[in-house]
Amino acid sequence: VRSPVSRADAGTYTCTAVSSGIMGQPASTSAQLEVAVLYPPDGNPVCNVTTSGNDVMLNCELQGGNPSAEVTWSMSDGQQVGSSQQSVNQAAAPDLTDNTVYICTATSPALDPNRTCSVTLMSPTVAVSP
């Protein structure tokens, strides 16, 4: 058992058992095990907004980690916007009303708690946090 585990510990390990056997006949057996090391992405997701004409696109990105984080946009009432994506997510904002808050949530088995960033639409500007 290795403690603490590091990212470099991921890989294939072989365990071999050897015995003197029965009646002096040596015997051995081996088994392989693939070890995956889970680790979170560095930092927090990055939110931003792009516009094209009357369309407002919500952009969220969180790179790194094993496994990669799933990033999902939702409205402040919890209603999901678009679908979940690995590492990068872009979705069209369905509601362009002033003070509408959109939250990007990054989830992964290696993230506890989940990480978020948000945008608030305000004509003619947008507020982004953190």
Protein backbone atom coordinates (compact mmCIF):
# COMPACT_ATOMS: atom_id res chain seq x y z
CA VAL A 1 0.00 0.00 0.00
CA ARG A 2 1.37 3.41 -1.04
CA SER A 3 0.48 6.43 0.98
CA PRO A 4 0.20 9.16 -0.05
CA VAL A 5 -0.66 8.33 -3.65
CA SER A 6 0.62 10.63 -6.41
CA ARG A 7 -0.37 11.07 -10.07
CA ALA A 8 2.84 9.25 -11.06
CA ASP A 9 1.55 6.09 -9.32
CA ALA A 10 -1.00 5.46 -12.10
CA GLY A 11 -0.20 2.49 -14.32
CA THR A 12 -0.16 -1.29 -14.55
CA TYR A 13 1.06 -3.30 -11.58
CA THR A 14 1.87 -7.03 -11.52
CA CYS A 15 1.55 -9.24 -8.45
CA THR A 16 3.38 -12.57 -8.58
CA ALA A 17 3.02 -15.33 -5.99
CA VAL A 18 5.63 -18.11 -5.87
CA SER A 19 5.49 -21.25 -3.75
CA SER A 20 7.69 -24.26 -3.34
CA GLY A 21 4.75 -26.27 -4.65
CA ILE A 22 3.68 -29.79 -3.91
CA MET A 23 6.30 -32.50 -3.83
CA GLY A 24 9.06 -30.03 -4.63
CA GLN A 25 7.53 -28.75 -7.84
CA PRO A 26 7.72 -24.93 -7.72
CA ALA A 27 4.61 -23.04 -8.79
CA SER A 28 3.81 -19.40 -9.47
CA THR A 29 0.92 -17.29 -10.63
CA SER A 30 0.63 -13.65 -11.63
CA ALA A 31 -2.13 -11.10 -11.96
CA GLN A 32 -2.10 -7.57 -13.35
CA LEU A 33 -3.97 -4.58 -11.99
CA GLU A 34 -4.52 -1.23 -13.70
CA VAL A 35 -4.43 1.66 -11.22
CA ALA A 36 -6.04 5.00 -12.09
CA VAL A 37 -5.29 7.94 -9.83
CA LEU A 38 -8.13 10.45 -9.53
CA TYR A 39 -7.21 14.11 -9.08
CA PRO A 40 -9.18 17.32 -9.44
CA PRO A 41 -8.64 20.03 -12.03
CA ASP A 42 -6.57 23.00 -10.89
CA GLY A 43 -8.48 26.19 -10.12
CA ASN A 44 -12.08 27.08 -10.81
CA PRO A 45 -14.13 27.06 -13.98
CA VAL A 46 -13.82 30.18 -16.13
CA CYS A 47 -17.08 31.76 -17.31
CA ASN A 48 -17.50 34.30 -20.08
CA VAL A 49 -20.10 35.47 -22.54
CA THR A 50 -19.89 36.14 -26.26
CA THR A 51 -22.50 37.85 -28.39
CA SER A 52 -23.36 37.64 -32.04
CA GLY A 53 -26.25 39.84 -33.12
CA ASN A 54 -29.08 39.09 -30.69
CA ASP A 55 -27.58 35.75 -29.57
CA VAL A 56 -25.80 35.45 -26.24
CA MET A 57 -23.51 32.44 -25.82
CA LEU A 58 -22.49 31.23 -22.36
CA ASN A 59 -18.96 29.79 -22.26
CA CYS A 60 -17.50 27.74 -19.41
CA GLU A 61 -14.17 25.93 -19.24
CA LEU A 62 -12.28 23.88 -16.63
CA GLN A 63 -9.28 21.94 -17.95
CA GLY A 64 -7.28 19.14 -16.34
CA GLY A 65 -8.08 16.54 -13.72
CA ASN A 66 -8.65 12.82 -13.95
CA PRO A 67 -11.32 12.26 -14.95
CA SER A 68 -12.05 15.55 -16.72
CA ALA A 69 -14.81 17.56 -15.11
CA GLU A 70 -18.33 17.64 -16.54
CA VAL A 71 -19.39 21.27 -16.95
CA THR A 72 -23.09 22.16 -17.01
CA TRP A 73 -24.91 25.48 -17.39
CA SER A 74 -28.10 26.11 -15.44
CA MET A 75 -30.31 29.02 -14.56
CA SER A 76 -30.48 30.21 -10.95
CA ASP A 77 -33.73 28.22 -10.51
CA GLY A 78 -31.80 25.00 -11.31
CA GLN A 79 -33.17 24.53 -14.84
CA GLN A 80 -30.38 23.05 -16.99
CA VAL A 81 -29.35 24.96 -20.11
CA GLY A 82 -28.01 22.75 -22.91
CA SER A 83 -26.24 19.49 -22.12
CA SER A 84 -23.28 18.52 -19.93
CA GLN A 85 -19.91 18.49 -21.66
CA GLN A 86 -16.35 17.42 -20.81
CA SER A 87 -14.08 20.35 -19.81
CA VAL A 88 -15.66 23.00 -22.10
CA ASN A 89 -19.31 23.94 -22.50
CA GLN A 90 -20.97 26.53 -24.69
CA ALA A 91 -24.73 27.09 -24.59
CA ALA A 92 -27.13 29.71 -25.91
CA ALA A 93 -28.73 31.79 -23.15
CA PRO A 94 -32.49 31.14 -23.44
CA ASP A 95 -33.50 34.16 -21.33
CA LEU A 96 -31.95 37.56 -22.01
CA THR A 97 -33.86 39.43 -19.29
CA ASP A 98 -31.78 41.81 -17.15
CA ASN A 99 -30.42 40.26 -13.94
CA THR A 100 -30.82 36.69 -15.21
CA VAL A 101 -28.14 34.58 -13.50
CA TYR A 102 -26.53 31.59 -15.21
CA ILE A 103 -24.33 29.21 -13.22
CA CYS A 104 -21.70 26.86 -14.62
CA THR A 105 -21.13 23.86 -12.35
CA ALA A 106 -18.10 21.58 -12.70
CA THR A 107 -18.49 18.06 -11.29
CA SER A 108 -16.11 15.12 -11.10
CA PRO A 109 -15.56 12.16 -8.75
CA ALA A 110 -12.31 13.95 -7.78
CA LEU A 111 -14.05 17.27 -6.96
CA ASP A 112 -15.58 17.79 -3.54
CA PRO A 113 -17.28 20.17 -3.39
CA ASN A 114 -18.27 20.97 -6.98
CA ARG A 115 -16.85 24.21 -8.39
CA THR A 116 -18.87 27.00 -9.97
CA CYS A 117 -18.72 30.33 -11.75
CA SER A 118 -21.61 32.50 -12.85
CA VAL A 119 -22.68 35.27 -15.18
CA THR A 120 -25.42 37.84 -14.66
CA LEU A 121 -26.94 39.44 -17.74
CA MET A 122 -27.37 43.20 -17.46
CA SER A 123 -28.05 45.35 -20.50
CA PRO A 124 -25.70 46.41 -22.00
CA THR A 125 -23.06 44.64 -19.82
CA VAL A 126 -22.48 41.24 -18.24
CA ALA A 127 -21.13 40.56 -14.74
CA VAL A 128 -18.89 37.48 -14.33
CA SER A 129 -17.82 35.86 -11.03
CA PRO A 130 -15.45 34.61 -9.65
